[in-house]
Amino acid sequence: MNKSLLVAAAFLCMSGALMAQPKSFGTPQLLIKAGHGLMAPTWSPDGKKIAITGDNFIGIFVANSDGSDLKQVSDAPGAGYKMTWNDANSIISTPYTMVNNRRITRIESVNVKNSNITLVAQPERDFKPSKALRHVSAALQIMLDQPMNATTLIPSLNNFAGKMVLNPVLSPDGKKIAFQIVGKGLFVCDADGNNVVSLGKGSHPSWMPDNVNVMVTRIEDNGDVFTKSDIYCVNTVTGDAINITPNTQAIPVTIAVSPDGSKVAFDNDTDGCIYVINLKY
């Protein structure tokens, strides 16, 4: 086999590995425990730290990737809602205050090293969540800022007009959006809103770094509380789904794939702690 064919073969092998669906090994491991409920884990871009928020998205806490050195860097109401890492040392947060029974939201940058907080955008009543993100396509902006009207405003979603869009997430390469439609399940589309594909049941999608697979939770409830949940890896091209948390007592709700795709963190509704699962391919 000549050199060019060897390179091509190696590339194909690498591509296959990158697009393979991961499987967990072992059981979920406790990562972070506190004296109150924790939720919504989010990895730093370099994977060295993880941020979480408290019940009702109050405050922001940051720990090392192994769960050590947990510290609070913000105590503001709403600070942890859809928080995003700006870089390895700062988090973009959207806390709010209540004025005359109206929610007034601002954008802040939280330094995770010294807890210094810098105001990025002045408080406003009609806050648009897309303002807190760096890269936002037109379709994603509509999903974030007008979730009640997105299925009407985005032509490819008109069959679901009147249904609310939840938890839209842009793929790492910026080419796809994974999102939920209330009562209809999980979907993926191109960044411009076209080529919508149904992926069945699923919530709180988190992309794998290959831009093909997404981790989602499939949650069951009795109308009052969550009764069961598992994390699935769903291939957005084939629709193949693999349960990576079979036979566990955990009830995962929100999840976060690490930047290198080697692990997935989740909040456990059973005990309010953060767990992590290592992945193999």
C-alpha atoms as a PDB file:
ATOM      1  CA  MET A   1       0.000   0.000   0.000  1.00  0.00           C
ATOM      2  CA  ASN A   2       1.481   3.358  -0.949  1.00  0.00           C
ATOM      3  CA  LYS A   3       1.893   6.255   1.437  1.00  0.00           C
ATOM      4  CA  SER A   4      -1.170   8.187   0.235  1.00  0.00           C
ATOM      5  CA  LEU A   5      -3.401   5.136   0.682  1.00  0.00           C
ATOM      6  CA  LEU A   6      -1.996   4.582   4.182  1.00  0.00           C
ATOM      7  CA  VAL A   7      -2.810   8.186   5.081  1.00  0.00           C
ATOM      8  CA  ALA A   8      -6.329   7.843   3.671  1.00  0.00           C
ATOM      9  CA  ALA A   9      -6.898   4.624   5.617  1.00  0.00           C
ATOM     10  CA  ALA A  10      -5.626   6.219   8.813  1.00  0.00           C
ATOM     11  CA  PHE A  11      -7.943   9.176   8.264  1.00  0.00           C
ATOM     12  CA  LEU A  12     -10.928   6.897   7.761  1.00  0.00           C
ATOM     13  CA  CYS A  13     -10.106   5.037  10.976  1.00  0.00           C
ATOM     14  CA  MET A  14      -9.791   8.286  12.859  1.00  0.00           C
ATOM     15  CA  SER A  15     -13.079   9.559  11.415  1.00  0.00           C
ATOM     16  CA  GLY A  16     -14.834   6.377  12.471  1.00  0.00           C
ATOM     17  CA  ALA A  17     -13.494   6.724  16.013  1.00  0.00           C
ATOM     18  CA  LEU A  18     -14.548  10.337  16.211  1.00  0.00           C
ATOM     19  CA  MET A  19     -18.083   9.515  15.092  1.00  0.00           C
ATOM     20  CA  ALA A  20     -18.436   6.386  17.248  1.00  0.00           C
ATOM     21  CA  GLN A  21     -21.030   6.489  19.986  1.00  0.00           C
ATOM     22  CA  PRO A  22     -19.481   6.289  23.449  1.00  0.00           C
ATOM     23  CA  LYS A  23     -20.403   3.814  26.144  1.00  0.00           C
ATOM     24  CA  SER A  24     -19.958   4.311  29.866  1.00  0.00           C
ATOM     25  CA  PHE A  25     -17.770   2.087  31.954  1.00  0.00           C
ATOM     26  CA  GLY A  26     -18.342   1.516  35.634  1.00  0.00           C
ATOM     27  CA  THR A  27     -21.046   3.426  37.462  1.00  0.00           C
ATOM     28  CA  PRO A  28     -21.648   7.174  37.868  1.00  0.00           C
ATOM     29  CA  GLN A  29     -19.129   8.617  40.324  1.00  0.00           C
ATOM     30  CA  LEU A  30     -19.977  11.337  42.860  1.00  0.00           C
ATOM     31  CA  LEU A  31     -18.142  14.495  41.804  1.00  0.00           C
ATOM     32  CA  ILE A  32     -19.520  17.323  43.955  1.00  0.00           C
ATOM     33  CA  LYS A  33     -21.651  17.289  47.090  1.00  0.00           C
ATOM     34  CA  ALA A  34     -22.830  20.345  48.998  1.00  0.00           C
ATOM     35  CA  GLY A  35     -25.238  21.199  51.802  1.00  0.00           C
ATOM     36  CA  HIS A  36     -27.835  22.262  49.247  1.00  0.00           C
ATOM     37  CA  GLY A  37     -29.033  21.167  45.820  1.00  0.00           C
ATOM     38  CA  LEU A  38     -26.705  21.615  42.866  1.00  0.00           C
ATOM     39  CA  MET A  39     -27.650  21.634  39.197  1.00  0.00           C
ATOM     40  CA  ALA A  40     -26.737  22.553  35.610  1.00  0.00           C
ATOM     41  CA  PRO A  41     -23.045  21.535  35.369  1.00  0.00           C
ATOM     42  CA  THR A  42     -20.986  23.344  32.730  1.00  0.00           C
ATOM     43  CA  TRP A  43     -17.372  22.541  31.801  1.00  0.00           C
ATOM     44  CA  SER A  44     -14.758  25.223  31.199  1.00  0.00           C
ATOM     45  CA  PRO A  45     -13.383  25.344  27.619  1.00  0.00           C
ATOM     46  CA  ASP A  46     -10.145  23.631  28.684  1.00  0.00           C
ATOM     47  CA  GLY A  47     -11.987  20.992  30.730  1.00  0.00           C
ATOM     48  CA  LYS A  48     -10.033  21.829  33.877  1.00  0.00           C
ATOM     49  CA  LYS A  49     -12.966  23.288  35.832  1.00  0.00           C
ATOM     50  CA  ILE A  50     -16.672  22.773  36.150  1.00  0.00           C
ATOM     51  CA  ALA A  51     -19.314  25.330  37.139  1.00  0.00           C
ATOM     52  CA  ILE A  52     -22.661  24.539  38.742  1.00  0.00           C
ATOM     53  CA  THR A  53     -25.514  26.516  40.186  1.00  0.00           C
ATOM     54  CA  GLY A  54     -27.812  26.100  43.173  1.00  0.00           C
ATOM     55  CA  ASP A  55     -31.523  25.403  43.388  1.00  0.00           C
ATOM     56  CA  ASN A  56     -33.576  27.823  41.288  1.00  0.00           C
ATOM     57  CA  PHE A  57     -30.332  28.902  39.570  1.00  0.00           C
ATOM     58  CA  ILE A  58     -29.226  30.938  42.596  1.00  0.00           C
ATOM     59  CA  GLY A  59     -25.491  31.663  42.560  1.00  0.00           C
ATOM     60  CA  ILE A  60     -22.551  30.068  40.773  1.00  0.00           C
ATOM     61  CA  PHE A  61     -20.083  27.563  42.215  1.00  0.00           C
ATOM     62  CA  VAL A  62     -16.839  26.439  40.596  1.00  0.00           C
ATOM     63  CA  ALA A  63     -14.679  23.376  41.269  1.00  0.00           C
ATOM     64  CA  ASN A  64     -11.730  21.637  39.668  1.00  0.00           C
ATOM     65  CA  SER A  65     -12.616  18.939  37.140  1.00  0.00           C
ATOM     66  CA  ASP A  66     -12.089  16.281  39.823  1.00  0.00           C
ATOM     67  CA  GLY A  67     -14.599  18.020  42.124  1.00  0.00           C
ATOM     68  CA  SER A  68     -12.007  19.482  44.475  1.00  0.00           C
ATOM     69  CA  ASP A  69     -11.722  23.084  45.694  1.00  0.00           C
ATOM     70  CA  LEU A  70     -15.422  23.941  45.376  1.00  0.00           C
ATOM     71  CA  LYS A  71     -16.062  27.648  45.918  1.00  0.00           C
ATOM     72  CA  GLN A  72     -18.892  30.095  45.372  1.00  0.00           C
ATOM     73  CA  VAL A  73     -18.156  32.936  42.947  1.00  0.00           C
ATOM     74  CA  SER A  74     -21.621  34.517  42.771  1.00  0.00           C
ATOM     75  CA  ASP A  75     -24.679  34.522  45.019  1.00  0.00           C
ATOM     76  CA  ALA A  76     -27.043  36.390  42.687  1.00  0.00           C
ATOM     77  CA  PRO A  77     -30.527  35.074  41.859  1.00  0.00           C
ATOM     78  CA  GLY A  78     -30.646  33.676  38.338  1.00  0.00           C
ATOM     79  CA  ALA A  79     -26.858  33.806  37.982  1.00  0.00           C
ATOM     80  CA  GLY A  80     -26.600  30.154  37.003  1.00  0.00           C
ATOM     81  CA  TYR A  81     -29.390  30.113  34.426  1.00  0.00           C
ATOM     82  CA  LYS A  82     -27.836  29.277  31.039  1.00  0.00           C
ATOM     83  CA  MET A  83     -24.445  30.462  32.281  1.00  0.00           C
ATOM     84  CA  THR A  84     -21.634  30.056  29.728  1.00  0.00           C
ATOM     85  CA  TRP A  85     -17.873  30.107  30.001  1.00  0.00           C
ATOM     86  CA  ASN A  86     -16.352  33.126  28.255  1.00  0.00           C
ATOM     87  CA  ASP A  87     -12.848  31.640  28.556  1.00  0.00           C
ATOM     88  CA  ALA A  88     -10.998  29.373  30.990  1.00  0.00           C
ATOM     89  CA  ASN A  89     -11.151  31.997  33.748  1.00  0.00           C
ATOM     90  CA  SER A  90     -14.510  33.727  33.429  1.00  0.00           C
ATOM     91  CA  ILE A  91     -18.212  32.951  33.155  1.00  0.00           C
ATOM     92  CA  ILE A  92     -20.909  35.001  31.462  1.00  0.00           C
ATOM     93  CA  SER A  93     -23.904  35.199  33.783  1.00  0.00           C
ATOM     94  CA  THR A  94     -27.383  36.735  33.533  1.00  0.00           C
ATOM     95  CA  PRO A  95     -28.624  37.434  37.081  1.00  0.00           C
ATOM     96  CA  TYR A  96     -31.736  39.449  37.809  1.00  0.00           C
ATOM     97  CA  THR A  97     -33.363  41.672  40.400  1.00  0.00           C
ATOM     98  CA  MET A  98     -37.080  42.179  41.008  1.00  0.00           C
ATOM     99  CA  VAL A  99     -38.400  45.724  40.652  1.00  0.00           C
ATOM    100  CA  ASN A 100     -42.145  46.316  41.103  1.00  0.00           C
ATOM    101  CA  ASN A 101     -42.748  42.614  40.515  1.00  0.00           C
ATOM    102  CA  ARG A 102     -40.849  42.761  37.230  1.00  0.00           C
ATOM    103  CA  ARG A 103     -37.663  40.837  36.508  1.00  0.00           C
ATOM    104  CA  ILE A 104     -34.792  43.098  35.476  1.00  0.00           C
ATOM    105  CA  THR A 105     -31.890  41.122  33.964  1.00  0.00           C
ATOM    106  CA  ARG A 106     -28.277  42.154  33.465  1.00  0.00           C
ATOM    107  CA  ILE A 107     -25.182  40.499  31.968  1.00  0.00           C
ATOM    108  CA  GLU A 108     -22.134  40.006  34.164  1.00  0.00           C
ATOM    109  CA  SER A 109     -18.693  38.500  33.730  1.00  0.00           C
ATOM    110  CA  VAL A 110     -17.624  36.483  36.769  1.00  0.00           C
ATOM    111  CA  ASN A 111     -13.904  35.920  37.346  1.00  0.00           C
ATOM    112  CA  VAL A 112     -13.613  32.395  38.750  1.00  0.00           C
ATOM    113  CA  LYS A 113     -10.174  33.035  40.266  1.00  0.00           C
ATOM    114  CA  ASN A 114     -10.975  36.007  42.467  1.00  0.00           C
ATOM    115  CA  SER A 115     -14.805  36.193  42.265  1.00  0.00           C
ATOM    116  CA  ASN A 116     -14.638  39.725  40.850  1.00  0.00           C
ATOM    117  CA  ILE A 117     -17.774  40.609  38.909  1.00  0.00           C
ATOM    118  CA  THR A 118     -17.837  43.008  35.971  1.00  0.00           C
ATOM    119  CA  LEU A 119     -21.037  44.426  34.517  1.00  0.00           C
ATOM    120  CA  VAL A 120     -21.183  43.660  30.793  1.00  0.00           C
ATOM    121  CA  ALA A 121     -24.653  44.980  29.924  1.00  0.00           C
ATOM    122  CA  GLN A 122     -26.977  47.266  31.862  1.00  0.00           C
ATOM    123  CA  PRO A 123     -30.135  45.817  33.454  1.00  0.00           C
ATOM    124  CA  GLU A 124     -33.196  45.733  31.240  1.00  0.00           C
ATOM    125  CA  ARG A 125     -36.709  44.380  31.498  1.00  0.00           C
ATOM    126  CA  ASP A 126     -37.094  42.802  28.077  1.00  0.00           C
ATOM    127  CA  PHE A 127     -33.831  40.876  28.179  1.00  0.00           C
ATOM    128  CA  LYS A 128     -32.828  38.742  25.185  1.00  0.00           C
ATOM    129  CA  PRO A 129     -30.775  35.665  26.211  1.00  0.00           C
ATOM    130  CA  SER A 130     -28.898  35.603  22.894  1.00  0.00           C
ATOM    131  CA  LYS A 131     -27.101  38.796  23.940  1.00  0.00           C
ATOM    132  CA  ALA A 132     -25.052  36.754  26.403  1.00  0.00           C
ATOM    133  CA  LEU A 133     -23.633  34.429  23.715  1.00  0.00           C
ATOM    134  CA  ARG A 134     -20.786  34.989  21.290  1.00  0.00           C
ATOM    135  CA  HIS A 135     -21.938  32.945  18.310  1.00  0.00           C
ATOM    136  CA  VAL A 136     -25.637  33.002  17.506  1.00  0.00           C
ATOM    137  CA  SER A 137     -27.246  32.162  14.169  1.00  0.00           C
ATOM    138  CA  ALA A 138     -30.526  33.808  13.214  1.00  0.00           C
ATOM    139  CA  ALA A 139     -32.513  30.644  13.950  1.00  0.00           C
ATOM    140  CA  LEU A 140     -30.799  30.126  17.316  1.00  0.00           C
ATOM    141  CA  GLN A 141     -31.442  33.757  18.230  1.00  0.00           C
ATOM    142  CA  ILE A 142     -35.157  33.289  17.607  1.00  0.00           C
ATOM    143  CA  MET A 143     -35.223  30.059  19.649  1.00  0.00           C
ATOM    144  CA  LEU A 144     -33.453  31.736  22.571  1.00  0.00           C
ATOM    145  CA  ASP A 145     -35.235  35.080  22.553  1.00  0.00           C
ATOM    146  CA  GLN A 146     -38.718  34.062  21.441  1.00  0.00           C
ATOM    147  CA  PRO A 147     -39.210  30.425  22.506  1.00  0.00           C
ATOM    148  CA  MET A 148     -43.017  30.742  22.456  1.00  0.00           C
ATOM    149  CA  ASN A 149     -43.036  32.035  18.880  1.00  0.00           C
ATOM    150  CA  ALA A 150     -40.072  30.181  17.357  1.00  0.00           C
ATOM    151  CA  THR A 151     -42.183  27.478  15.718  1.00  0.00           C
ATOM    152  CA  THR A 152     -44.154  30.205  13.961  1.00  0.00           C
ATOM    153  CA  LEU A 153     -41.226  32.456  13.043  1.00  0.00           C
ATOM    154  CA  ILE A 154     -38.964  29.694  11.690  1.00  0.00           C
ATOM    155  CA  PRO A 155     -40.651  28.370   8.506  1.00  0.00           C
ATOM    156  CA  SER A 156     -39.299  24.827   8.812  1.00  0.00           C
ATOM    157  CA  LEU A 157     -40.990  24.513  12.220  1.00  0.00           C
ATOM    158  CA  ASN A 158     -44.416  25.768  11.140  1.00  0.00           C
ATOM    159  CA  ASN A 159     -45.902  22.267  11.473  1.00  0.00           C
ATOM    160  CA  PHE A 160     -45.431  22.716  15.222  1.00  0.00           C
ATOM    161  CA  ALA A 161     -46.784  26.284  15.381  1.00  0.00           C
ATOM    162  CA  GLY A 162     -47.936  27.172  18.867  1.00  0.00           C
ATOM    163  CA  LYS A 163     -45.508  24.769  20.558  1.00  0.00           C
ATOM    164  CA  MET A 164     -42.662  26.135  22.691  1.00  0.00           C
ATOM    165  CA  VAL A 165     -38.979  25.551  21.867  1.00  0.00           C
ATOM    166  CA  LEU A 166     -36.708  24.625  24.779  1.00  0.00           C
ATOM    167  CA  ASN A 167     -32.969  24.257  25.405  1.00  0.00           C
ATOM    168  CA  PRO A 168     -31.546  25.035  21.945  1.00  0.00           C
ATOM    169  CA  VAL A 169     -27.808  24.267  21.747  1.00  0.00           C
ATOM    170  CA  LEU A 170     -25.403  25.035  18.903  1.00  0.00           C
ATOM    171  CA  SER A 171     -22.991  22.261  17.866  1.00  0.00           C
ATOM    172  CA  PRO A 172     -19.263  22.913  18.475  1.00  0.00           C
ATOM    173  CA  ASP A 173     -18.680  23.622  14.770  1.00  0.00           C
ATOM    174  CA  GLY A 174     -21.634  26.019  14.655  1.00  0.00           C
ATOM    175  CA  LYS A 175     -23.417  24.083  11.905  1.00  0.00           C
ATOM    176  CA  LYS A 176     -26.272  22.387  13.785  1.00  0.00           C
ATOM    177  CA  ILE A 177     -28.799  23.168  16.524  1.00  0.00           C
ATOM    178  CA  ALA A 178     -30.219  20.549  18.867  1.00  0.00           C
ATOM    179  CA  PHE A 179     -33.451  21.566  20.612  1.00  0.00           C
ATOM    180  CA  GLN A 180     -36.702  20.408  22.142  1.00  0.00           C
ATOM    181  CA  ILE A 181     -40.279  21.155  21.142  1.00  0.00           C
ATOM    182  CA  VAL A 182     -42.676  20.830  24.055  1.00  0.00           C
ATOM    183  CA  GLY A 183     -44.736  17.672  23.712  1.00  0.00           C
ATOM    184  CA  LYS A 184     -42.931  16.636  20.521  1.00  0.00           C
ATOM    185  CA  GLY A 185     -39.459  15.599  21.667  1.00  0.00           C
ATOM    186  CA  LEU A 186     -35.921  16.248  20.488  1.00  0.00           C
ATOM    187  CA  PHE A 187     -34.918  17.687  17.118  1.00  0.00           C
ATOM    188  CA  VAL A 188     -31.844  18.786  15.225  1.00  0.00           C
ATOM    189  CA  CYS A 189     -31.618  21.255  12.344  1.00  0.00           C
ATOM    190  CA  ASP A 190     -29.044  23.220  10.386  1.00  0.00           C
ATOM    191  CA  ALA A 191     -27.868  26.477  11.951  1.00  0.00           C
ATOM    192  CA  ASP A 192     -30.141  28.389   9.560  1.00  0.00           C
ATOM    193  CA  GLY A 193     -33.177  26.445  10.790  1.00  0.00           C
ATOM    194  CA  ASN A 194     -33.541  24.167   7.764  1.00  0.00           C
ATOM    195  CA  ASN A 195     -33.384  20.364   7.449  1.00  0.00           C
ATOM    196  CA  VAL A 196     -35.250  19.583  10.649  1.00  0.00           C
ATOM    197  CA  VAL A 197     -34.924  15.979  11.846  1.00  0.00           C
ATOM    198  CA  SER A 198     -36.822  14.366  14.720  1.00  0.00           C
ATOM    199  CA  LEU A 199     -34.697  12.328  17.149  1.00  0.00           C
ATOM    200  CA  GLY A 200     -37.504  11.059  19.350  1.00  0.00           C
ATOM    201  CA  LYS A 201     -37.705  11.536  23.095  1.00  0.00           C
ATOM    202  CA  GLY A 202     -35.013  13.601  24.804  1.00  0.00           C
ATOM    203  CA  SER A 203     -34.266  16.750  26.762  1.00  0.00           C
ATOM    204  CA  HIS A 204     -31.349  19.023  27.763  1.00  0.00           C
ATOM    205  CA  PRO A 205     -29.100  18.114  24.779  1.00  0.00           C
ATOM    206  CA  SER A 206     -25.319  18.446  25.094  1.00  0.00           C
ATOM    207  CA  TRP A 207     -23.184  17.980  21.977  1.00  0.00           C
ATOM    208  CA  MET A 208     -20.281  15.590  21.707  1.00  0.00           C
ATOM    209  CA  PRO A 209     -17.158  17.191  20.159  1.00  0.00           C
ATOM    210  CA  ASP A 210     -17.654  15.183  16.928  1.00  0.00           C
ATOM    211  CA  ASN A 211     -20.679  17.390  16.022  1.00  0.00           C
ATOM    212  CA  VAL A 212     -22.649  14.218  15.264  1.00  0.00           C
ATOM    213  CA  ASN A 213     -23.691  12.732  18.596  1.00  0.00           C
ATOM    214  CA  VAL A 214     -25.602  14.442  21.389  1.00  0.00           C
ATOM    215  CA  MET A 215     -26.116  13.389  24.968  1.00  0.00           C
ATOM    216  CA  VAL A 216     -29.699  13.784  26.195  1.00  0.00           C
ATOM    217  CA  THR A 217     -31.785  12.784  29.168  1.00  0.00           C
ATOM    218  CA  ARG A 218     -34.960  10.767  28.782  1.00  0.00           C
ATOM    219  CA  ILE A 219     -37.018  11.566  31.849  1.00  0.00           C
ATOM    220  CA  GLU A 220     -40.211  10.032  33.181  1.00  0.00           C
ATOM    221  CA  ASP A 221     -42.516  11.620  35.759  1.00  0.00           C
ATOM    222  CA  ASN A 222     -45.824  11.040  37.506  1.00  0.00           C
ATOM    223  CA  GLY A 223     -47.107  14.550  36.919  1.00  0.00           C
ATOM    224  CA  ASP A 224     -45.573  15.769  40.144  1.00  0.00           C
ATOM    225  CA  VAL A 225     -41.971  14.538  40.422  1.00  0.00           C
ATOM    226  CA  PHE A 226     -39.390  12.820  38.231  1.00  0.00           C
ATOM    227  CA  THR A 227     -39.590   9.062  38.695  1.00  0.00           C
ATOM    228  CA  LYS A 228     -36.902   7.794  36.315  1.00  0.00           C
ATOM    229  CA  SER A 229     -34.291   9.092  33.927  1.00  0.00           C
ATOM    230  CA  ASP A 230     -31.407   7.815  31.829  1.00  0.00           C
ATOM    231  CA  ILE A 231     -28.733   9.472  29.726  1.00  0.00           C
ATOM    232  CA  TYR A 232     -28.679   8.466  26.062  1.00  0.00           C
ATOM    233  CA  CYS A 233     -26.162   9.188  23.355  1.00  0.00           C
ATOM    234  CA  VAL A 234     -28.096   9.867  20.143  1.00  0.00           C
ATOM    235  CA  ASN A 235     -26.509   9.887  16.699  1.00  0.00           C
ATOM    236  CA  THR A 236     -28.099  12.855  14.909  1.00  0.00           C
ATOM    237  CA  VAL A 237     -27.489  11.269  11.484  1.00  0.00           C
ATOM    238  CA  THR A 238     -28.748   7.720  12.025  1.00  0.00           C
ATOM    239  CA  GLY A 239     -30.962   8.245  15.070  1.00  0.00           C
ATOM    240  CA  ASP A 240     -29.240   5.364  16.885  1.00  0.00           C
ATOM    241  CA  ALA A 241     -29.470   5.784  20.662  1.00  0.00           C
ATOM    242  CA  ILE A 242     -27.383   4.107  23.368  1.00  0.00           C
ATOM    243  CA  ASN A 243     -28.299   4.165  27.060  1.00  0.00           C
ATOM    244  CA  ILE A 244     -25.130   4.990  29.026  1.00  0.00           C
ATOM    245  CA  THR A 245     -26.764   4.845  32.471  1.00  0.00           C
ATOM    246  CA  PRO A 246     -28.584   1.496  32.539  1.00  0.00           C
ATOM    247  CA  ASN A 247     -29.347  -0.115  35.889  1.00  0.00           C
ATOM    248  CA  THR A 248     -28.592   2.921  38.037  1.00  0.00           C
ATOM    249  CA  GLN A 249     -30.764   4.589  40.675  1.00  0.00           C
ATOM    250  CA  ALA A 250     -29.740   8.080  39.587  1.00  0.00           C
ATOM    251  CA  ILE A 251     -32.211  10.492  37.997  1.00  0.00           C
ATOM    252  CA  PRO A 252     -30.107  12.690  35.664  1.00  0.00           C
ATOM    253  CA  VAL A 253     -31.728  15.968  34.625  1.00  0.00           C
ATOM    254  CA  THR A 254     -29.246  18.399  33.066  1.00  0.00           C
ATOM    255  CA  ILE A 255     -26.025  17.106  31.539  1.00  0.00           C
ATOM    256  CA  ALA A 256     -22.726  18.440  30.186  1.00  0.00           C
ATOM    257  CA  VAL A 257     -20.197  16.680  27.954  1.00  0.00           C
ATOM    258  CA  SER A 258     -16.566  17.611  28.649  1.00  0.00           C
ATOM    259  CA  PRO A 259     -14.765  19.449  25.819  1.00  0.00           C
ATOM    260  CA  ASP A 260     -12.695  16.378  24.928  1.00  0.00           C
ATOM    261  CA  GLY A 261     -15.695  14.030  25.043  1.00  0.00           C
ATOM    262  CA  SER A 262     -14.109  11.831  27.713  1.00  0.00           C
ATOM    263  CA  LYS A 263     -16.806  12.304  30.349  1.00  0.00           C
ATOM    264  CA  VAL A 264     -20.301  13.560  30.982  1.00  0.00           C
ATOM    265  CA  ALA A 265     -21.398  15.334  34.148  1.00  0.00           C
ATOM    266  CA  PHE A 266     -24.979  15.467  35.386  1.00  0.00           C
ATOM    267  CA  ASP A 267     -27.080  16.671  38.291  1.00  0.00           C
ATOM    268  CA  ASN A 268     -28.913  13.903  40.120  1.00  0.00           C
ATOM    269  CA  ASP A 269     -32.454  14.797  41.096  1.00  0.00           C
ATOM    270  CA  THR A 270     -32.387  12.044  43.731  1.00  0.00           C
ATOM    271  CA  ASP A 271     -29.836  13.734  46.015  1.00  0.00           C
ATOM    272  CA  GLY A 272     -29.019  17.127  44.476  1.00  0.00           C
ATOM    273  CA  CYS A 273     -25.377  16.185  43.843  1.00  0.00           C
ATOM    274  CA  ILE A 274     -23.213  16.294  40.719  1.00  0.00           C
ATOM    275  CA  TYR A 275     -21.951  13.033  39.237  1.00  0.00           C
ATOM    276  CA  VAL A 276     -19.614  12.169  36.378  1.00  0.00           C
ATOM    277  CA  ILE A 277     -19.412   9.235  33.995  1.00  0.00           C
ATOM    278  CA  ASN A 278     -16.207   8.385  32.147  1.00  0.00           C
ATOM    279  CA  LEU A 279     -16.731   7.385  28.529  1.00  0.00           C
ATOM    280  CA  LYS A 280     -15.086   4.825  26.289  1.00  0.00           C
ATOM    281  CA  TYR A 281     -15.571   4.200  22.571  1.00  0.00           C
END
